ModelCIF file with pLDDT and N, C-alpha, C, O atoms, coordinates in Angstrom:
data_MODEL
#
_entry.id   MODEL 
#
_entity.id                         1 
_entity.type                       polymer 
_entity.pdbx_number_of_molecules   1 
#
_entity_poly.entity_id                      1 
_entity_poly.type                           'polypeptide(L)' 
_entity_poly.nstd_linkage                   no 
_entity_poly.nstd_monomer                   no 
_entity_poly.pdbx_seq_one_letter_code       
;(UNK)(UNK)(UNK)(UNK)(UNK)(UNK)(UNK)(UNK)(UNK)(UNK)(UNK)(UNK)(UNK)(UNK)(UNK)(UNK)
(UNK)(UNK)(UNK)(UNK)(UNK)(UNK)(UNK)(UNK)(UNK)(UNK)(UNK)(UNK)(UNK)(UNK)(UNK)(UNK)
(UNK)(UNK)(UNK)(UNK)(UNK)(UNK)(UNK)(UNK)(UNK)(UNK)(UNK)(UNK)
;
_entity_poly.pdbx_seq_one_letter_code_can   XXXXXXXXXXXXXXXXXXXXXXXXXXXXXXXXXXXXXXXXXXXX 
_entity_poly.pdbx_strand_id                 A 
#
loop_
_entity_poly_seq.entity_id 
_entity_poly_seq.num 
_entity_poly_seq.mon_id 
_entity_poly_seq.hetero 
1 1  UNK n 
1 2  UNK n 
1 3  UNK n 
1 4  UNK n 
1 5  UNK n 
1 6  UNK n 
1 7  UNK n 
1 8  UNK n 
1 9  UNK n 
1 10 UNK n 
1 11 UNK n 
1 12 UNK n 
1 13 UNK n 
1 14 UNK n 
1 15 UNK n 
1 16 UNK n 
1 17 UNK n 
1 18 UNK n 
1 19 UNK n 
1 20 UNK n 
1 21 UNK n 
1 22 UNK n 
1 23 UNK n 
1 24 UNK n 
1 25 UNK n 
1 26 UNK n 
1 27 UNK n 
1 28 UNK n 
1 29 UNK n 
1 30 UNK n 
1 31 UNK n 
1 32 UNK n 
1 33 UNK n 
1 34 UNK n 
1 35 UNK n 
1 36 UNK n 
1 37 UNK n 
1 38 UNK n 
1 39 UNK n 
1 40 UNK n 
1 41 UNK n 
1 42 UNK n 
1 43 UNK n 
1 44 UNK n 
#
_struct_asym.id          A 
_struct_asym.entity_id   1 
#
loop_
_ma_qa_metric.id 
_ma_qa_metric.mode 
_ma_qa_metric.name 
_ma_qa_metric.software_group_id 
_ma_qa_metric.type 
1 global pLDDT . pLDDT 
2 local  pLDDT . pLDDT 
#
_ma_qa_metric_global.metric_id      1 
_ma_qa_metric_global.metric_value   84.73 
_ma_qa_metric_global.model_id       1 
_ma_qa_metric_global.ordinal_id     1 
#
loop_
_ma_qa_metric_local.label_asym_id 
_ma_qa_metric_local.label_comp_id 
_ma_qa_metric_local.label_seq_id 
_ma_qa_metric_local.metric_id 
_ma_qa_metric_local.metric_value 
_ma_qa_metric_local.model_id 
_ma_qa_metric_local.ordinal_id 
A UNK 1  2 94.00 1 1  
A UNK 2  2 94.00 1 2  
A UNK 3  2 94.00 1 3  
A UNK 4  2 92.00 1 4  
A UNK 5  2 92.00 1 5  
A UNK 6  2 91.00 1 6  
A UNK 7  2 89.00 1 7  
A UNK 8  2 88.00 1 8  
A UNK 9  2 86.00 1 9  
A UNK 10 2 83.00 1 10 
A UNK 11 2 83.00 1 11 
A UNK 12 2 83.00 1 12 
A UNK 13 2 87.00 1 13 
A UNK 14 2 88.00 1 14 
A UNK 15 2 90.00 1 15 
A UNK 16 2 89.00 1 16 
A UNK 17 2 89.00 1 17 
A UNK 18 2 89.00 1 18 
A UNK 19 2 90.00 1 19 
A UNK 20 2 90.00 1 20 
A UNK 21 2 90.00 1 21 
A UNK 22 2 90.00 1 22 
A UNK 23 2 89.00 1 23 
A UNK 24 2 86.00 1 24 
A UNK 25 2 84.00 1 25 
A UNK 26 2 81.00 1 26 
A UNK 27 2 82.00 1 27 
A UNK 28 2 86.00 1 28 
A UNK 29 2 88.00 1 29 
A UNK 30 2 91.00 1 30 
A UNK 31 2 91.00 1 31 
A UNK 32 2 93.00 1 32 
A UNK 33 2 90.00 1 33 
A UNK 34 2 89.00 1 34 
A UNK 35 2 87.00 1 35 
A UNK 36 2 83.00 1 36 
A UNK 37 2 73.00 1 37 
A UNK 38 2 71.00 1 38 
A UNK 39 2 68.00 1 39 
A UNK 40 2 70.00 1 40 
A UNK 41 2 64.00 1 41 
A UNK 42 2 65.00 1 42 
A UNK 43 2 65.00 1 43 
A UNK 44 2 71.00 1 44 
#
loop_
_atom_site.group_PDB 
_atom_site.id 
_atom_site.type_symbol 
_atom_site.label_atom_id 
_atom_site.label_alt_id 
_atom_site.label_comp_id 
_atom_site.label_asym_id 
_atom_site.label_entity_id 
_atom_site.label_seq_id 
_atom_site.pdbx_PDB_ins_code 
_atom_site.Cartn_x 
_atom_site.Cartn_y 
_atom_site.Cartn_z 
_atom_site.occupancy 
_atom_site.B_iso_or_equiv 
_atom_site.pdbx_formal_charge 
_atom_site.auth_seq_id 
_atom_site.auth_comp_id 
_atom_site.auth_asym_id 
_atom_site.auth_atom_id 
_atom_site.pdbx_PDB_model_num 
ATOM 1   N N  . UNK A 1 1  ? 0.855   -1.187 0.000  1.00 94.00 ? 1  UNK A N  1 
ATOM 2   C CA . UNK A 1 1  ? 0.000   0.000  0.000  1.00 94.00 ? 1  UNK A CA 1 
ATOM 3   C C  . UNK A 1 1  ? 0.891   1.237  0.000  1.00 94.00 ? 1  UNK A C  1 
ATOM 4   O O  . UNK A 1 1  ? 1.727   1.405  0.888  1.00 94.00 ? 1  UNK A O  1 
ATOM 5   N N  . UNK A 1 2  ? 0.712   2.097  -0.991 1.00 94.00 ? 2  UNK A N  1 
ATOM 6   C CA . UNK A 1 2  ? 1.459   3.350  -1.041 1.00 94.00 ? 2  UNK A CA 1 
ATOM 7   C C  . UNK A 1 2  ? 1.002   4.265  0.097  1.00 94.00 ? 2  UNK A C  1 
ATOM 8   O O  . UNK A 1 2  ? -0.180  4.265  0.442  1.00 94.00 ? 2  UNK A O  1 
ATOM 9   N N  . UNK A 1 3  ? 1.916   5.045  0.688  1.00 94.00 ? 3  UNK A N  1 
ATOM 10  C CA . UNK A 1 3  ? 1.530   5.943  1.784  1.00 94.00 ? 3  UNK A CA 1 
ATOM 11  C C  . UNK A 1 3  ? 0.362   6.859  1.450  1.00 94.00 ? 3  UNK A C  1 
ATOM 12  O O  . UNK A 1 3  ? -0.484  7.129  2.303  1.00 94.00 ? 3  UNK A O  1 
ATOM 13  N N  . UNK A 1 4  ? 0.315   7.344  0.194  1.00 92.00 ? 4  UNK A N  1 
ATOM 14  C CA . UNK A 1 4  ? -0.748  8.291  -0.173 1.00 92.00 ? 4  UNK A CA 1 
ATOM 15  C C  . UNK A 1 4  ? -2.097  7.610  -0.395 1.00 92.00 ? 4  UNK A C  1 
ATOM 16  O O  . UNK A 1 4  ? -3.113  8.289  -0.541 1.00 92.00 ? 4  UNK A O  1 
ATOM 17  N N  . UNK A 1 5  ? -2.120  6.272  -0.423 1.00 92.00 ? 5  UNK A N  1 
ATOM 18  C CA . UNK A 1 5  ? -3.380  5.557  -0.625 1.00 92.00 ? 5  UNK A CA 1 
ATOM 19  C C  . UNK A 1 5  ? -4.098  5.220  0.670  1.00 92.00 ? 5  UNK A C  1 
ATOM 20  O O  . UNK A 1 5  ? -5.174  4.621  0.650  1.00 92.00 ? 5  UNK A O  1 
ATOM 21  N N  . UNK A 1 6  ? -3.515  5.599  1.786  1.00 91.00 ? 6  UNK A N  1 
ATOM 22  C CA . UNK A 1 6  ? -4.187  5.440  3.078  1.00 91.00 ? 6  UNK A CA 1 
ATOM 23  C C  . UNK A 1 6  ? -5.110  6.632  3.339  1.00 91.00 ? 6  UNK A C  1 
ATOM 24  O O  . UNK A 1 6  ? -4.824  7.756  2.928  1.00 91.00 ? 6  UNK A O  1 
ATOM 25  N N  . UNK A 1 7  ? -6.219  6.365  4.027  1.00 89.00 ? 7  UNK A N  1 
ATOM 26  C CA . UNK A 1 7  ? -7.097  7.429  4.520  1.00 89.00 ? 7  UNK A CA 1 
ATOM 27  C C  . UNK A 1 7  ? -7.349  7.194  6.001  1.00 89.00 ? 7  UNK A C  1 
ATOM 28  O O  . UNK A 1 7  ? -7.465  6.053  6.447  1.00 89.00 ? 7  UNK A O  1 
ATOM 29  N N  . UNK A 1 8  ? -7.433  8.285  6.760  1.00 88.00 ? 8  UNK A N  1 
ATOM 30  C CA . UNK A 1 8  ? -7.807  8.160  8.169  1.00 88.00 ? 8  UNK A CA 1 
ATOM 31  C C  . UNK A 1 8  ? -9.268  7.724  8.265  1.00 88.00 ? 8  UNK A C  1 
ATOM 32  O O  . UNK A 1 8  ? -10.148 8.341  7.664  1.00 88.00 ? 8  UNK A O  1 
ATOM 33  N N  . UNK A 1 9  ? -9.517  6.668  9.016  1.00 86.00 ? 9  UNK A N  1 
ATOM 34  C CA . UNK A 1 9  ? -10.868 6.135  9.137  1.00 86.00 ? 9  UNK A CA 1 
ATOM 35  C C  . UNK A 1 9  ? -11.698 6.984  10.096 1.00 86.00 ? 9  UNK A C  1 
ATOM 36  O O  . UNK A 1 9  ? -11.217 7.430  11.138 1.00 86.00 ? 9  UNK A O  1 
ATOM 37  N N  . UNK A 1 10 ? -12.948 7.193  9.719  1.00 83.00 ? 10 UNK A N  1 
ATOM 38  C CA . UNK A 1 10 ? -13.881 7.913  10.592 1.00 83.00 ? 10 UNK A CA 1 
ATOM 39  C C  . UNK A 1 10 ? -14.599 6.939  11.524 1.00 83.00 ? 10 UNK A C  1 
ATOM 40  O O  . UNK A 1 10 ? -15.249 7.344  12.488 1.00 83.00 ? 10 UNK A O  1 
ATOM 41  N N  . UNK A 1 11 ? -14.467 5.625  11.214 1.00 83.00 ? 11 UNK A N  1 
ATOM 42  C CA . UNK A 1 11 ? -15.149 4.595  11.997 1.00 83.00 ? 11 UNK A CA 1 
ATOM 43  C C  . UNK A 1 11 ? -14.118 3.704  12.663 1.00 83.00 ? 11 UNK A C  1 
ATOM 44  O O  . UNK A 1 11 ? -12.956 4.085  12.806 1.00 83.00 ? 11 UNK A O  1 
ATOM 45  N N  . UNK A 1 12 ? -14.547 2.516  13.069 1.00 83.00 ? 12 UNK A N  1 
ATOM 46  C CA . UNK A 1 12 ? -13.629 1.565  13.703 1.00 83.00 ? 12 UNK A CA 1 
ATOM 47  C C  . UNK A 1 12 ? -13.075 0.571  12.695 1.00 83.00 ? 12 UNK A C  1 
ATOM 48  O O  . UNK A 1 12 ? -12.548 -0.476 13.071 1.00 83.00 ? 12 UNK A O  1 
ATOM 49  N N  . UNK A 1 13 ? -13.196 0.904  11.397 1.00 87.00 ? 13 UNK A N  1 
ATOM 50  C CA . UNK A 1 13 ? -12.687 0.038  10.337 1.00 87.00 ? 13 UNK A CA 1 
ATOM 51  C C  . UNK A 1 13 ? -11.274 0.487  9.948  1.00 87.00 ? 13 UNK A C  1 
ATOM 52  O O  . UNK A 1 13 ? -10.947 1.670  10.045 1.00 87.00 ? 13 UNK A O  1 
ATOM 53  N N  . UNK A 1 14 ? -10.439 -0.464 9.506  1.00 88.00 ? 14 UNK A N  1 
ATOM 54  C CA . UNK A 1 14 ? -9.121  -0.116 9.005  1.00 88.00 ? 14 UNK A CA 1 
ATOM 55  C C  . UNK A 1 14 ? -8.005  -0.762 9.811  1.00 88.00 ? 14 UNK A C  1 
ATOM 56  O O  . UNK A 1 14 ? -8.241  -1.392 10.842 1.00 88.00 ? 14 UNK A O  1 
ATOM 57  N N  . UNK A 1 15 ? -6.778  -0.589 9.313  1.00 90.00 ? 15 UNK A N  1 
ATOM 58  C CA . UNK A 1 15 ? -5.598  -1.133 9.978  1.00 90.00 ? 15 UNK A CA 1 
ATOM 59  C C  . UNK A 1 15 ? -5.261  -0.245 11.170 1.00 90.00 ? 15 UNK A C  1 
ATOM 60  O O  . UNK A 1 15 ? -5.056  0.959  11.017 1.00 90.00 ? 15 UNK A O  1 
ATOM 61  N N  . UNK A 1 16 ? -5.205  -0.844 12.359 1.00 89.00 ? 16 UNK A N  1 
ATOM 62  C CA . UNK A 1 16 ? -4.902  -0.078 13.573 1.00 89.00 ? 16 UNK A CA 1 
ATOM 63  C C  . UNK A 1 16 ? -3.397  0.162  13.666 1.00 89.00 ? 16 UNK A C  1 
ATOM 64  O O  . UNK A 1 16 ? -2.602  -0.777 13.613 1.00 89.00 ? 16 UNK A O  1 
ATOM 65  N N  . UNK A 1 17 ? -3.020  1.430  13.804 1.00 89.00 ? 17 UNK A N  1 
ATOM 66  C CA . UNK A 1 17 ? -1.606  1.818  13.832 1.00 89.00 ? 17 UNK A CA 1 
ATOM 67  C C  . UNK A 1 17 ? -1.340  2.704  15.044 1.00 89.00 ? 17 UNK A C  1 
ATOM 68  O O  . UNK A 1 17 ? -2.052  3.681  15.277 1.00 89.00 ? 17 UNK A O  1 
ATOM 69  N N  . UNK A 1 18 ? -0.310  2.358  15.812 1.00 89.00 ? 18 UNK A N  1 
ATOM 70  C CA . UNK A 1 18 ? 0.167   3.218  16.894 1.00 89.00 ? 18 UNK A CA 1 
ATOM 71  C C  . UNK A 1 18 ? 1.135   4.230  16.305 1.00 89.00 ? 18 UNK A C  1 
ATOM 72  O O  . UNK A 1 18 ? 2.179   3.846  15.779 1.00 89.00 ? 18 UNK A O  1 
ATOM 73  N N  . UNK A 1 19 ? 0.813   5.511  16.383 1.00 90.00 ? 19 UNK A N  1 
ATOM 74  C CA . UNK A 1 19 ? 1.621   6.567  15.753 1.00 90.00 ? 19 UNK A CA 1 
ATOM 75  C C  . UNK A 1 19 ? 2.844   6.863  16.622 1.00 90.00 ? 19 UNK A C  1 
ATOM 76  O O  . UNK A 1 19 ? 2.722   7.175  17.807 1.00 90.00 ? 19 UNK A O  1 
ATOM 77  N N  . UNK A 1 20 ? 4.030   6.759  16.004 1.00 90.00 ? 20 UNK A N  1 
ATOM 78  C CA . UNK A 1 20 ? 5.280   7.034  16.718 1.00 90.00 ? 20 UNK A CA 1 
ATOM 79  C C  . UNK A 1 20 ? 5.833   8.412  16.375 1.00 90.00 ? 20 UNK A C  1 
ATOM 80  O O  . UNK A 1 20 ? 6.350   9.111  17.247 1.00 90.00 ? 20 UNK A O  1 
ATOM 81  N N  . UNK A 1 21 ? 5.724   8.804  15.107 1.00 90.00 ? 21 UNK A N  1 
ATOM 82  C CA . UNK A 1 21 ? 6.282   10.083 14.641 1.00 90.00 ? 21 UNK A CA 1 
ATOM 83  C C  . UNK A 1 21 ? 5.299   10.716 13.666 1.00 90.00 ? 21 UNK A C  1 
ATOM 84  O O  . UNK A 1 21 ? 4.679   10.022 12.859 1.00 90.00 ? 21 UNK A O  1 
ATOM 85  N N  . UNK A 1 22 ? 5.161   12.026 13.743 1.00 90.00 ? 22 UNK A N  1 
ATOM 86  C CA . UNK A 1 22 ? 4.355   12.782 12.770 1.00 90.00 ? 22 UNK A CA 1 
ATOM 87  C C  . UNK A 1 22 ? 5.246   13.838 12.143 1.00 90.00 ? 22 UNK A C  1 
ATOM 88  O O  . UNK A 1 22 ? 5.825   14.663 12.850 1.00 90.00 ? 22 UNK A O  1 
ATOM 89  N N  . UNK A 1 23 ? 5.360   13.819 10.814 1.00 89.00 ? 23 UNK A N  1 
ATOM 90  C CA . UNK A 1 23 ? 6.113   14.847 10.083 1.00 89.00 ? 23 UNK A CA 1 
ATOM 91  C C  . UNK A 1 23 ? 5.113   15.775 9.418  1.00 89.00 ? 23 UNK A C  1 
ATOM 92  O O  . UNK A 1 23 ? 4.433   15.371 8.475  1.00 89.00 ? 23 UNK A O  1 
ATOM 93  N N  . UNK A 1 24 ? 5.008   17.006 9.889  1.00 86.00 ? 24 UNK A N  1 
ATOM 94  C CA . UNK A 1 24 ? 4.071   17.970 9.325  1.00 86.00 ? 24 UNK A CA 1 
ATOM 95  C C  . UNK A 1 24 ? 4.795   18.817 8.285  1.00 86.00 ? 24 UNK A C  1 
ATOM 96  O O  . UNK A 1 24 ? 5.735   19.548 8.598  1.00 86.00 ? 24 UNK A O  1 
ATOM 97  N N  . UNK A 1 25 ? 4.331   18.701 7.031  1.00 84.00 ? 25 UNK A N  1 
ATOM 98  C CA . UNK A 1 25 ? 5.003   19.370 5.925  1.00 84.00 ? 25 UNK A CA 1 
ATOM 99  C C  . UNK A 1 25 ? 4.171   20.494 5.332  1.00 84.00 ? 25 UNK A C  1 
ATOM 100 O O  . UNK A 1 25 ? 4.493   21.014 4.264  1.00 84.00 ? 25 UNK A O  1 
ATOM 101 N N  . UNK A 1 26 ? 3.107   20.867 6.019  1.00 81.00 ? 26 UNK A N  1 
ATOM 102 C CA . UNK A 1 26 ? 2.260   21.938 5.497  1.00 81.00 ? 26 UNK A CA 1 
ATOM 103 C C  . UNK A 1 26 ? 1.019   21.365 4.851  1.00 81.00 ? 26 UNK A C  1 
ATOM 104 O O  . UNK A 1 26 ? 0.027   21.090 5.527  1.00 81.00 ? 26 UNK A O  1 
ATOM 105 N N  . UNK A 1 27 ? 1.074   21.184 3.529  1.00 82.00 ? 27 UNK A N  1 
ATOM 106 C CA . UNK A 1 27 ? -0.077  20.650 2.804  1.00 82.00 ? 27 UNK A CA 1 
ATOM 107 C C  . UNK A 1 27 ? -0.363  19.209 3.209  1.00 82.00 ? 27 UNK A C  1 
ATOM 108 O O  . UNK A 1 27 ? -1.521  18.796 3.272  1.00 82.00 ? 27 UNK A O  1 
ATOM 109 N N  . UNK A 1 28 ? 0.688   18.449 3.483  1.00 86.00 ? 28 UNK A N  1 
ATOM 110 C CA . UNK A 1 28 ? 0.554   17.041 3.847  1.00 86.00 ? 28 UNK A CA 1 
ATOM 111 C C  . UNK A 1 28 ? 1.293   16.770 5.140  1.00 86.00 ? 28 UNK A C  1 
ATOM 112 O O  . UNK A 1 28 ? 2.111   17.567 5.600  1.00 86.00 ? 28 UNK A O  1 
ATOM 113 N N  . UNK A 1 29 ? 0.977   15.613 5.713  1.00 88.00 ? 29 UNK A N  1 
ATOM 114 C CA . UNK A 1 29 ? 1.724   15.111 6.861  1.00 88.00 ? 29 UNK A CA 1 
ATOM 115 C C  . UNK A 1 29 ? 2.009   13.628 6.633  1.00 88.00 ? 29 UNK A C  1 
ATOM 116 O O  . UNK A 1 29 ? 1.206   12.915 6.031  1.00 88.00 ? 29 UNK A O  1 
ATOM 117 N N  . UNK A 1 30 ? 3.154   13.178 7.119  1.00 91.00 ? 30 UNK A N  1 
ATOM 118 C CA . UNK A 1 30 ? 3.464   11.752 7.112  1.00 91.00 ? 30 UNK A CA 1 
ATOM 119 C C  . UNK A 1 30 ? 3.374   11.251 8.541  1.00 91.00 ? 30 UNK A C  1 
ATOM 120 O O  . UNK A 1 30 ? 3.942   11.848 9.456  1.00 91.00 ? 30 UNK A O  1 
ATOM 121 N N  . UNK A 1 31 ? 2.657   10.151 8.727  1.00 91.00 ? 31 UNK A N  1 
ATOM 122 C CA . UNK A 1 31 ? 2.624   9.514  10.036 1.00 91.00 ? 31 UNK A CA 1 
ATOM 123 C C  . UNK A 1 31 ? 3.375   8.187  9.943  1.00 91.00 ? 31 UNK A C  1 
ATOM 124 O O  . UNK A 1 31 ? 3.190   7.418  8.999  1.00 91.00 ? 31 UNK A O  1 
ATOM 125 N N  . UNK A 1 32 ? 4.216   7.937  10.930 1.00 93.00 ? 32 UNK A N  1 
ATOM 126 C CA . UNK A 1 32 ? 5.011   6.714  10.998 1.00 93.00 ? 32 UNK A CA 1 
ATOM 127 C C  . UNK A 1 32 ? 4.602   5.968  12.260 1.00 93.00 ? 32 UNK A C  1 
ATOM 128 O O  . UNK A 1 32 ? 4.513   6.550  13.341 1.00 93.00 ? 32 UNK A O  1 
ATOM 129 N N  . UNK A 1 33 ? 4.358   4.683  12.107 1.00 90.00 ? 33 UNK A N  1 
ATOM 130 C CA . UNK A 1 33 ? 3.965   3.909  13.274 1.00 90.00 ? 33 UNK A CA 1 
ATOM 131 C C  . UNK A 1 33 ? 4.112   2.421  13.052 1.00 90.00 ? 33 UNK A C  1 
ATOM 132 O O  . UNK A 1 33 ? 4.694   1.981  12.060 1.00 90.00 ? 33 UNK A O  1 
ATOM 133 N N  . UNK A 1 34 ? 3.577   1.648  13.987 1.00 89.00 ? 34 UNK A N  1 
ATOM 134 C CA . UNK A 1 34 ? 3.597   0.182  13.897 1.00 89.00 ? 34 UNK A CA 1 
ATOM 135 C C  . UNK A 1 34 ? 2.185   -0.324 14.126 1.00 89.00 ? 34 UNK A C  1 
ATOM 136 O O  . UNK A 1 34 ? 1.328   0.395  14.639 1.00 89.00 ? 34 UNK A O  1 
ATOM 137 N N  . UNK A 1 35 ? 1.954   -1.582 13.737 1.00 87.00 ? 35 UNK A N  1 
ATOM 138 C CA . UNK A 1 35 ? 0.651   -2.186 13.971 1.00 87.00 ? 35 UNK A CA 1 
ATOM 139 C C  . UNK A 1 35 ? 0.308   -2.111 15.456 1.00 87.00 ? 35 UNK A C  1 
ATOM 140 O O  . UNK A 1 35 ? 1.154   -2.382 16.309 1.00 87.00 ? 35 UNK A O  1 
ATOM 141 N N  . UNK A 1 36 ? -0.911  -1.749 15.755 1.00 83.00 ? 36 UNK A N  1 
ATOM 142 C CA . UNK A 1 36 ? -1.351  -1.674 17.149 1.00 83.00 ? 36 UNK A CA 1 
ATOM 143 C C  . UNK A 1 36 ? -1.262  -3.052 17.788 1.00 83.00 ? 36 UNK A C  1 
ATOM 144 O O  . UNK A 1 36 ? -1.511  -4.069 17.140 1.00 83.00 ? 36 UNK A O  1 
ATOM 145 N N  . UNK A 1 37 ? -0.907  -3.071 19.052 1.00 73.00 ? 37 UNK A N  1 
ATOM 146 C CA . UNK A 1 37 ? -0.816  -4.346 19.759 1.00 73.00 ? 37 UNK A CA 1 
ATOM 147 C C  . UNK A 1 37 ? 0.597   -4.869 19.890 1.00 73.00 ? 37 UNK A C  1 
ATOM 148 O O  . UNK A 1 37 ? 0.828   -5.844 20.604 1.00 73.00 ? 37 UNK A O  1 
ATOM 149 N N  . UNK A 1 38 ? 1.559   -4.236 19.210 1.00 71.00 ? 38 UNK A N  1 
ATOM 150 C CA . UNK A 1 38 ? 2.961   -4.659 19.335 1.00 71.00 ? 38 UNK A CA 1 
ATOM 151 C C  . UNK A 1 38 ? 3.490   -4.212 20.696 1.00 71.00 ? 38 UNK A C  1 
ATOM 152 O O  . UNK A 1 38 ? 3.284   -3.068 21.101 1.00 71.00 ? 38 UNK A O  1 
ATOM 153 N N  . UNK A 1 39 ? 4.168   -5.112 21.395 1.00 68.00 ? 39 UNK A N  1 
ATOM 154 C CA . UNK A 1 39 ? 4.714   -4.775 22.712 1.00 68.00 ? 39 UNK A CA 1 
ATOM 155 C C  . UNK A 1 39 ? 5.695   -3.616 22.603 1.00 68.00 ? 39 UNK A C  1 
ATOM 156 O O  . UNK A 1 39 ? 6.397   -3.477 21.601 1.00 68.00 ? 39 UNK A O  1 
ATOM 157 N N  . UNK A 1 40 ? 5.738   -2.784 23.644 1.00 70.00 ? 40 UNK A N  1 
ATOM 158 C CA . UNK A 1 40 ? 6.558   -1.572 23.622 1.00 70.00 ? 40 UNK A CA 1 
ATOM 159 C C  . UNK A 1 40 ? 8.023   -1.867 23.340 1.00 70.00 ? 40 UNK A C  1 
ATOM 160 O O  . UNK A 1 40 ? 8.670   -1.125 22.601 1.00 70.00 ? 40 UNK A O  1 
ATOM 161 N N  . UNK A 1 41 ? 8.565   -2.955 23.925 1.00 64.00 ? 41 UNK A N  1 
ATOM 162 C CA . UNK A 1 41 ? 9.983   -3.268 23.730 1.00 64.00 ? 41 UNK A CA 1 
ATOM 163 C C  . UNK A 1 41 ? 10.271  -3.882 22.371 1.00 64.00 ? 41 UNK A C  1 
ATOM 164 O O  . UNK A 1 41 ? 11.433  -4.115 22.036 1.00 64.00 ? 41 UNK A O  1 
ATOM 165 N N  . UNK A 1 42 ? 9.218   -4.154 21.567 1.00 65.00 ? 42 UNK A N  1 
ATOM 166 C CA . UNK A 1 42 ? 9.410   -4.737 20.246 1.00 65.00 ? 42 UNK A CA 1 
ATOM 167 C C  . UNK A 1 42 ? 9.167   -3.717 19.133 1.00 65.00 ? 42 UNK A C  1 
ATOM 168 O O  . UNK A 1 42 ? 9.365   -4.018 17.956 1.00 65.00 ? 42 UNK A O  1 
ATOM 169 N N  . UNK A 1 43 ? 8.736   -2.508 19.508 1.00 65.00 ? 43 UNK A N  1 
ATOM 170 C CA . UNK A 1 43 ? 8.336   -1.544 18.479 1.00 65.00 ? 43 UNK A CA 1 
ATOM 171 C C  . UNK A 1 43 ? 9.506   -1.050 17.623 1.00 65.00 ? 43 UNK A C  1 
ATOM 172 O O  . UNK A 1 43 ? 9.326   -0.720 16.450 1.00 65.00 ? 43 UNK A O  1 
ATOM 173 N N  . UNK A 1 44 ? 10.695  -1.000 18.210 1.00 71.00 ? 44 UNK A N  1 
ATOM 174 C CA . UNK A 1 44 ? 11.852  -0.528 17.438 1.00 71.00 ? 44 UNK A CA 1 
ATOM 175 C C  . UNK A 1 44 ? 12.202  -1.475 16.306 1.00 71.00 ? 44 UNK A C  1 
ATOM 176 O O  . UNK A 1 44 ? 13.149  -1.224 15.561 1.00 71.00 ? 44 UNK A O  1 
#
């Protein structure tokens, strides 16, 4: 899945992602994260 083909879900549908970093570039933002549910010591 290309980064630009993702949309933020308004409902409880979609791939759950824990956001680690947000890059705000003005018109767009990139969010970087891992699948939700990954243990904290395994996220790196």
